Amino acid sequence: MVGSPGVLLQTAEQSLLHHAKRDDCQWALQLSDALLSLSNEKCLPTDEENDNATKITKEETVKAVEIGINALQCLASYMTSANGRNYYLTSAYELMNREKSLSIFGNKQDREWVSKVVPLEQLFQMLPVRFKADKMQSFNASLCFHFIDIKEFYLLIVRDGVVEVCLLFFFFHFFYLDMFLSNEKYDDTNSDILQKRCIDFANCVSELTSEAFRSLIAADAITGALMYSTGQVKIIKGSVFDFSSFRGYFQAHIPYKLAKNQCLSQICICFSFNSVFVYLLCFWFFLILGLIVVGFLTVYIFQRDCRLEISLHNSISFYASVTIFTSKVKYKRLTVSIAFERKYEEKKKPHPKIKNIFLKWKI
C-alpha cells in the first residue's frame, strides 16, 4: 500500500472505526507504527516531490499516536490471556507517554555512567533488542570482539534479522566443540586457539580492551573514529568500515537514563567476574551454607543425627568442567562433607553442633 501520510491515516481510521475482527485493529496498529517510524526518520529526500510525499506534520503524528493507542486497546479487548492483555495495555500506556519517554535517552554523561557501571555481558545483551530488524531482514554477518584485558571473546551473529550474542569462552567449548576443536585437547585450548577459530569463523574480528569498548558505546561518531586512528581498537580481520558500520545496525537511542535511575533506586552493585573460578567458589560457598542449614533443621525438627555428603564429578558437572578450562587443572573428584550430631544438656532442648567440616580434593 503506497500513499501519503494522510492516506495512511485515513485508512487506519477506517479500519479502526469499522473493525469487525481482530485483524482490522492489527492493520490499524501497523499503519500507525509506519507513520510514527516515518516521523522519527532523519533522512534527506532527493527531490521536492519525495519531500511532499513523505513529509508528516505534527498534527498527523499526534493523530497517529491516538490511532495506535486505540488499536492497542482494541487488541487488548480480544485477548483472553492476562499476559497478552497486560502487554497491549502496557504498550498503549507507553505510547500515551511517548513524548516523555523520548527524554529518557539522556545525554552523554548518562551514557558514560551506564557504560561504566553495567557489566560487559549485560551491555551485549542490550544489543539484540535494539537491532533494526525491519531494515536488515536479509542481512547476515558475524562480528567477534576479543577483549585482551579480561581474555574473553564475544561473538555477534546476525542472521535473517535475528541477533545472537555468544560468550565464546563457553560457546566454543560446549556448542561448537565438535566443529572447531575436534582435533585438540581441552588442556590445549587457550586464547590463541580461540582467536584463531574466531578469525576463521567471523567476518570481522576486533581486538580491544573492555574499557575501550565501554568508551566506544558512549562516544559519538567522531570520537569513535579517533579510537580507530589511535590504535585503541585494532582490526584483526575485515576493515575499519565493516567494524564501524555495526553501530548502524542498532538503534542509537538506548534508555540510559532509565537504566541509571533503576541502578540508583535498586542500589545496583555490579561485580565483574573475570574468571569462572569465582563462580565456582561462590557455588561451593552457598552449597556448604545450604547443607549447614539443612543439618540444623534436621536436628531441631526431626531430632535425629544427620550426615550430609555431596560429591562433584567432572564427568557430570558443569562447574567442574568449566574449572578445567580456567585453571588448567582437571579435578577427578571433589567432595564436601558436613557431619552433625546432637548434644544433650540437662533440661534443655537438644541443639546441633557441627562435628566436622572437611574438603577433600583429589587431583
Protein backbone atom coordinates (compact mmCIF):
# COMPACT_ATOMS: atom_id res chain seq x y z
CA MET A 1 0.00 0.00 0.00
CA VAL A 2 1.57 3.29 -1.17
CA GLY A 3 0.33 6.76 -0.37
CA SER A 4 0.92 9.95 1.55
CA PRO A 5 0.73 10.08 5.36
CA GLY A 6 -2.79 11.48 5.02
CA VAL A 7 -3.91 8.42 3.06
CA LEU A 8 -2.37 6.13 5.66
CA LEU A 9 -4.13 7.99 8.46
CA GLN A 10 -7.47 7.79 6.67
CA THR A 11 -7.09 4.07 6.03
CA ALA A 12 -6.08 3.43 9.64
CA GLU A 13 -9.09 5.38 10.93
CA GLN A 14 -11.48 3.44 8.72
CA SER A 15 -10.02 0.11 9.80
CA LEU A 16 -10.29 1.07 13.44
CA LEU A 17 -13.75 2.63 13.17
CA HIS A 18 -15.41 -0.20 11.24
CA HIS A 19 -13.43 -3.09 12.67
CA ALA A 20 -15.30 -6.35 12.53
CA LYS A 21 -12.47 -8.60 13.63
CA ARG A 22 -9.12 -8.52 15.30
CA ASP A 23 -7.16 -8.20 12.03
CA ASP A 24 -8.63 -4.73 11.45
CA CYS A 25 -7.17 -3.48 14.73
CA GLN A 26 -3.86 -5.11 13.89
CA TRP A 27 -3.83 -3.41 10.49
CA ALA A 28 -4.55 -0.02 12.06
CA LEU A 29 -1.70 -0.57 14.53
CA GLN A 30 0.73 -1.44 11.75
CA LEU A 31 -0.22 1.69 9.81
CA SER A 32 0.23 3.88 12.87
CA ASP A 33 3.64 2.30 13.53
CA ALA A 34 4.66 3.05 9.95
CA LEU A 35 3.66 6.68 10.37
CA LEU A 36 5.49 7.01 13.68
CA SER A 37 8.64 5.44 12.24
CA LEU A 38 8.36 7.87 9.33
CA SER A 39 8.23 10.79 11.75
CA ASN A 40 11.38 9.53 13.51
CA GLU A 41 13.47 9.16 10.35
CA LYS A 42 16.11 11.80 9.73
CA CYS A 43 16.86 11.07 6.07
CA LEU A 44 17.01 13.82 3.46
CA PRO A 45 14.81 13.35 0.35
CA THR A 46 16.38 13.60 -3.06
CA ASP A 47 13.83 15.91 -4.68
CA GLU A 48 10.85 18.11 -3.88
CA GLU A 49 8.31 15.50 -5.00
CA ASN A 50 9.56 12.96 -2.47
CA ASP A 51 9.65 15.71 0.15
CA ASN A 52 5.96 16.41 -0.26
CA ALA A 53 5.09 12.72 -0.40
CA THR A 54 6.88 11.68 2.79
CA LYS A 55 6.50 14.81 4.90
CA ILE A 56 4.43 14.25 8.04
CA THR A 57 3.20 17.13 10.14
CA LYS A 58 2.98 17.36 13.90
CA GLU A 59 -0.82 17.08 13.78
CA GLU A 60 -0.57 13.88 11.76
CA THR A 61 1.94 12.50 14.25
CA VAL A 62 -0.43 13.20 17.15
CA LYS A 63 -3.27 11.56 15.20
CA ALA A 64 -1.10 8.51 14.51
CA VAL A 65 -0.35 8.20 18.23
CA GLU A 66 -4.08 8.31 19.05
CA ILE A 67 -4.81 5.63 16.45
CA GLY A 68 -2.03 3.46 17.83
CA ILE A 69 -3.36 3.78 21.39
CA ASN A 70 -6.91 2.91 20.32
CA ALA A 71 -5.66 -0.01 18.23
CA LEU A 72 -3.69 -1.42 21.17
CA GLN A 73 -6.70 -1.10 23.46
CA CYS A 74 -8.83 -2.77 20.79
CA LEU A 75 -6.39 -5.69 20.58
CA ALA A 76 -6.38 -5.96 24.38
CA SER A 77 -10.16 -6.42 24.36
CA TYR A 78 -9.78 -9.51 22.16
CA MET A 79 -7.23 -11.17 24.46
CA THR A 80 -8.34 -13.92 26.82
CA SER A 81 -4.89 -14.29 28.32
CA ALA A 82 -3.99 -11.98 31.19
CA ASN A 83 -0.40 -11.70 29.98
CA GLY A 84 -1.48 -10.76 26.46
CA ARG A 85 -3.96 -8.19 27.70
CA ASN A 86 -1.35 -6.68 30.01
CA TYR A 87 1.14 -6.48 27.13
CA TYR A 88 -1.20 -4.49 24.88
CA LEU A 89 -2.38 -2.19 27.66
CA THR A 90 1.20 -1.53 28.77
CA SER A 91 2.18 -0.75 25.17
CA ALA A 92 -0.74 1.66 24.94
CA TYR A 93 0.36 3.36 28.16
CA GLU A 94 3.92 3.72 26.85
CA LEU A 95 2.63 5.18 23.60
CA MET A 96 0.42 7.55 25.56
CA ASN A 97 3.53 8.90 27.29
CA ARG A 98 5.62 8.88 24.13
CA GLU A 99 6.86 12.45 24.41
CA LYS A 100 8.01 11.89 27.97
CA SER A 101 9.69 8.62 27.06
CA LEU A 102 11.74 10.33 24.34
CA SER A 103 13.52 12.29 27.07
CA ILE A 104 14.79 9.18 28.88
CA PHE A 105 17.62 8.57 26.47
CA GLY A 106 19.74 11.02 28.41
CA ASN A 107 22.83 12.93 27.49
CA LYS A 108 26.45 11.94 27.08
CA GLN A 109 27.03 11.89 30.84
CA ASP A 110 24.24 9.35 31.35
CA ARG A 111 25.62 7.18 28.56
CA GLU A 112 29.09 7.25 30.08
CA TRP A 113 27.73 6.46 33.55
CA VAL A 114 25.75 3.44 32.36
CA SER A 115 28.55 2.16 30.12
CA LYS A 116 30.93 2.12 33.09
CA VAL A 117 28.55 0.59 35.66
CA VAL A 118 26.66 -2.04 33.67
CA PRO A 119 28.58 -5.35 33.29
CA LEU A 120 30.05 -6.09 29.89
CA GLU A 121 27.85 -9.12 29.31
CA GLN A 122 24.71 -7.10 30.01
CA LEU A 123 25.83 -4.42 27.54
CA PHE A 124 25.96 -7.09 24.85
CA GLN A 125 22.56 -8.42 25.88
CA MET A 126 21.11 -4.94 25.24
CA LEU A 127 22.08 -5.12 21.57
CA PRO A 128 19.55 -7.70 20.23
CA VAL A 129 16.53 -5.71 21.42
CA ARG A 130 17.91 -2.55 19.74
CA PHE A 131 18.60 -4.27 16.41
CA LYS A 132 16.96 -2.75 13.32
CA ALA A 133 15.39 -6.00 12.17
CA ASP A 134 12.87 -4.35 9.84
CA LYS A 135 15.65 -2.77 7.77
CA MET A 136 18.08 -5.71 7.80
CA GLN A 137 15.93 -8.79 7.36
CA SER A 138 18.24 -10.42 4.81
CA PHE A 139 21.49 -9.24 6.38
CA ASN A 140 23.94 -11.91 7.55
CA ALA A 141 27.22 -11.17 9.32
CA SER A 142 29.28 -12.13 12.35
CA LEU A 143 31.49 -9.88 14.44
CA CYS A 144 33.97 -11.06 17.04
CA PHE A 145 35.25 -8.91 19.91
CA HIS A 146 38.47 -10.01 21.60
CA PHE A 147 38.94 -8.27 24.95
CA ILE A 148 42.63 -8.61 25.67
CA ASP A 149 42.48 -7.38 29.27
CA ILE A 150 39.91 -9.91 30.51
CA LYS A 151 40.72 -12.58 27.89
CA GLU A 152 37.15 -13.06 26.73
CA PHE A 153 35.63 -13.39 23.27
CA TYR A 154 32.17 -12.13 22.38
CA LEU A 155 30.55 -13.07 19.09
CA LEU A 156 27.65 -11.23 17.46
CA ILE A 157 25.88 -13.34 14.85
CA VAL A 158 23.34 -11.53 12.67
CA ARG A 159 21.25 -13.95 10.66
CA ASP A 160 17.96 -13.12 8.88
CA GLY A 161 17.11 -10.22 11.16
CA VAL A 162 17.98 -12.05 14.39
CA VAL A 163 20.99 -11.24 16.59
CA GLU A 164 22.67 -13.87 18.74
CA VAL A 165 25.17 -12.89 21.43
CA CYS A 166 27.64 -15.60 22.43
CA LEU A 167 30.34 -15.59 25.05
CA LEU A 168 32.93 -17.61 23.17
CA PHE A 169 34.60 -18.88 26.32
CA PHE A 170 31.56 -21.12 26.83
CA PHE A 171 30.23 -21.02 23.30
CA PHE A 172 33.16 -22.70 21.62
CA HIS A 173 33.64 -25.30 24.34
CA PHE A 174 30.08 -26.55 24.64
CA PHE A 175 28.26 -25.80 21.40
CA TYR A 176 30.84 -25.69 18.62
CA LEU A 177 33.20 -28.16 20.25
CA ASP A 178 32.88 -30.85 17.60
CA MET A 179 33.02 -28.35 14.76
CA PHE A 180 36.05 -26.32 15.81
CA LEU A 181 38.00 -28.22 18.44
CA SER A 182 37.58 -31.83 17.39
CA ASN A 183 41.31 -32.44 16.93
CA GLU A 184 42.56 -30.65 20.03
CA LYS A 185 42.53 -31.49 23.71
CA TYR A 186 40.83 -29.46 26.38
CA ASP A 187 44.10 -28.67 28.11
CA ASP A 188 45.49 -27.09 24.93
CA THR A 189 42.51 -24.79 24.44
CA ASN A 190 43.92 -21.34 25.15
CA SER A 191 43.26 -17.83 23.95
CA ASP A 192 45.46 -18.24 20.86
CA ILE A 193 43.40 -21.18 19.64
CA LEU A 194 40.15 -19.34 20.32
CA GLN A 195 41.43 -16.31 18.45
CA LYS A 196 42.41 -18.48 15.50
CA ARG A 197 38.99 -20.15 15.42
CA CYS A 198 37.30 -16.79 15.83
CA ILE A 199 39.21 -15.40 12.85
CA ASP A 200 38.21 -18.39 10.74
CA PHE A 201 34.54 -18.13 11.70
CA ALA A 202 33.72 -14.39 11.98
CA ASN A 203 33.57 -11.89 9.13
CA CYS A 204 35.10 -9.13 11.22
CA VAL A 205 37.39 -9.54 14.24
CA SER A 206 38.47 -6.69 16.50
CA GLU A 207 40.93 -6.57 19.38
CA LEU A 208 40.40 -4.05 22.15
CA THR A 209 40.10 -3.66 25.89
CA SER A 210 36.86 -3.69 27.83
CA GLU A 211 37.36 -0.04 28.80
CA ALA A 212 37.78 0.91 25.15
CA PHE A 213 34.52 -0.88 24.30
CA ARG A 214 32.67 0.96 27.05
CA SER A 215 34.05 4.25 25.77
CA LEU A 216 33.09 3.29 22.22
CA ILE A 217 29.45 2.75 23.23
CA ALA A 218 29.15 6.14 24.91
CA ALA A 219 31.15 8.00 22.24
CA ASP A 220 29.84 9.79 19.20
CA ALA A 221 30.90 9.08 15.62
CA ILE A 222 33.89 11.44 15.68
CA THR A 223 35.26 10.07 18.95
CA GLY A 224 34.79 6.53 17.67
CA ALA A 225 36.81 7.34 14.55
CA LEU A 226 39.60 8.73 16.72
CA MET A 227 39.73 5.48 18.68
CA TYR A 228 40.44 3.58 15.46
CA SER A 229 43.18 6.00 14.43
CA THR A 230 44.89 6.00 17.84
CA GLY A 231 45.08 2.22 17.95
CA GLN A 232 42.69 1.65 20.86
CA VAL A 233 40.68 -0.60 18.54
CA LYS A 234 42.64 -2.98 16.31
CA ILE A 235 41.01 -4.74 13.39
CA ILE A 236 42.40 -8.27 13.03
CA LYS A 237 40.09 -9.32 10.21
CA GLY A 238 37.96 -7.21 7.94
CA SER A 239 38.09 -3.45 7.52
CA VAL A 240 37.51 -0.48 9.77
CA PHE A 241 34.37 0.31 7.78
CA ASP A 242 32.94 -3.15 8.48
CA PHE A 243 33.53 -2.78 12.20
CA SER A 244 32.37 0.83 12.47
CA SER A 245 29.22 0.15 10.45
CA PHE A 246 27.96 -2.33 13.05
CA ARG A 247 26.87 0.66 15.14
CA GLY A 248 24.41 1.47 12.37
CA TYR A 249 22.78 -1.95 12.78
CA PHE A 250 21.33 -0.93 16.14
CA GLN A 251 19.16 1.90 17.33
CA ALA A 252 21.20 4.73 18.75
CA HIS A 253 18.61 5.67 21.37
CA ILE A 254 19.03 3.42 24.39
CA PRO A 255 17.18 4.43 27.58
CA TYR A 256 20.34 5.22 29.52
CA LYS A 257 18.52 7.47 31.93
CA LEU A 258 16.07 4.69 32.83
CA ALA A 259 18.94 2.28 33.39
CA LYS A 260 20.71 4.85 35.54
CA ASN A 261 17.64 5.54 37.67
CA GLN A 262 16.96 1.82 38.03
CA CYS A 263 20.51 1.17 39.19
CA LEU A 264 20.31 4.02 41.67
CA SER A 265 16.89 3.01 43.01
CA GLN A 266 17.90 -0.61 43.49
CA ILE A 267 21.40 0.33 44.76
CA CYS A 268 22.83 -1.77 41.98
CA ILE A 269 26.26 -3.20 42.76
CA CYS A 270 27.84 -4.73 39.69
CA PHE A 271 30.62 -7.25 40.06
CA SER A 272 32.90 -8.05 37.18
CA PHE A 273 33.93 -11.69 37.26
CA ASN A 274 36.99 -12.16 35.10
CA SER A 275 37.36 -15.84 35.93
CA VAL A 276 34.96 -18.74 36.11
CA PHE A 277 36.76 -19.87 39.24
CA VAL A 278 34.97 -17.10 41.16
CA TYR A 279 31.63 -18.58 40.09
CA LEU A 280 32.78 -22.00 41.26
CA LEU A 281 33.90 -20.60 44.59
CA CYS A 282 30.55 -18.86 45.14
CA PHE A 283 28.71 -22.04 44.18
CA TRP A 284 30.51 -24.10 46.80
CA PHE A 285 30.09 -21.39 49.43
CA PHE A 286 26.32 -21.31 49.07
CA LEU A 287 26.21 -25.10 48.80
CA ILE A 288 28.03 -25.53 52.12
CA LEU A 289 25.82 -22.88 53.70
CA GLY A 290 22.73 -24.72 52.49
CA LEU A 291 23.99 -28.01 53.92
CA ILE A 292 24.58 -26.37 57.29
CA VAL A 293 21.02 -25.02 57.34
CA VAL A 294 19.61 -28.43 56.38
CA GLY A 295 21.65 -30.09 59.11
CA PHE A 296 20.45 -27.69 61.77
CA LEU A 297 16.82 -28.10 60.71
CA THR A 298 17.16 -31.87 60.72
CA VAL A 299 18.44 -31.93 64.30
CA TYR A 300 15.89 -29.45 65.60
CA ILE A 301 12.78 -30.70 63.79
CA PHE A 302 13.31 -34.44 63.36
CA GLN A 303 15.52 -34.94 66.43
CA ARG A 304 17.93 -37.11 64.50
CA ASP A 305 21.61 -37.17 63.83
CA CYS A 306 22.42 -36.10 60.32
CA ARG A 307 25.31 -36.59 57.98
CA LEU A 308 25.14 -34.97 54.59
CA GLU A 309 27.64 -35.51 51.83
CA ILE A 310 27.75 -34.29 48.28
CA SER A 311 30.20 -35.26 45.59
CA LEU A 312 31.06 -33.44 42.43
CA HIS A 313 32.44 -35.31 39.43
CA ASN A 314 33.85 -33.63 36.39
CA SER A 315 32.05 -36.05 34.08
CA ILE A 316 28.56 -34.86 35.02
CA SER A 317 29.09 -31.41 36.48
CA PHE A 318 29.08 -28.18 34.51
CA TYR A 319 31.08 -26.31 37.14
CA ALA A 320 33.86 -28.84 37.30
CA SER A 321 34.13 -28.85 33.54
CA VAL A 322 34.48 -25.09 33.45
CA THR A 323 37.24 -25.26 36.05
CA ILE A 324 39.23 -27.46 33.70
CA PHE A 325 39.38 -24.69 31.14
CA THR A 326 40.09 -21.95 33.66
CA SER A 327 42.86 -23.23 35.88
CA LYS A 328 44.20 -25.92 33.55
CA VAL A 329 43.67 -28.47 36.33
CA LYS A 330 41.48 -31.48 35.82
CA TYR A 331 39.68 -32.47 39.05
CA LYS A 332 38.85 -36.15 39.28
CA ARG A 333 36.73 -35.85 42.42
CA LEU A 334 35.73 -33.06 44.74
CA THR A 335 33.88 -33.95 47.93
CA VAL A 336 32.33 -31.78 50.59
CA SER A 337 31.12 -33.50 53.71
CA ILE A 338 29.46 -31.99 56.78
CA ALA A 339 28.53 -34.06 59.82
CA PHE A 340 26.11 -33.03 62.56
CA GLU A 341 25.44 -34.58 65.93
CA ARG A 342 23.03 -33.85 68.72
CA LYS A 343 24.30 -32.61 72.02
CA TYR A 344 22.02 -33.11 75.01
CA GLU A 345 22.09 -30.98 78.10
CA GLU A 346 20.04 -31.27 81.23
CA LYS A 347 16.56 -29.71 80.98
CA LYS A 348 17.34 -28.18 77.63
CA LYS A 349 16.35 -28.98 74.12
CA PRO A 350 18.98 -30.64 72.01
CA HIS A 351 20.79 -28.27 69.74
CA PRO A 352 23.03 -29.10 66.84
CA LYS A 353 26.75 -28.87 66.90
CA ILE A 354 28.97 -29.05 63.88
CA LYS A 355 31.18 -32.06 64.36
CA ASN A 356 33.47 -31.59 61.41
CA ILE A 357 33.65 -29.91 58.08
CA PHE A 358 36.23 -31.01 55.61
CA LEU A 359 37.04 -30.55 51.97
CA LYS A 360 38.68 -33.42 50.17
CA TRP A 361 40.50 -32.74 46.94
CA LYS A 362 41.90 -35.45 44.76
CA ILE A 363 43.86 -34.42 41.68
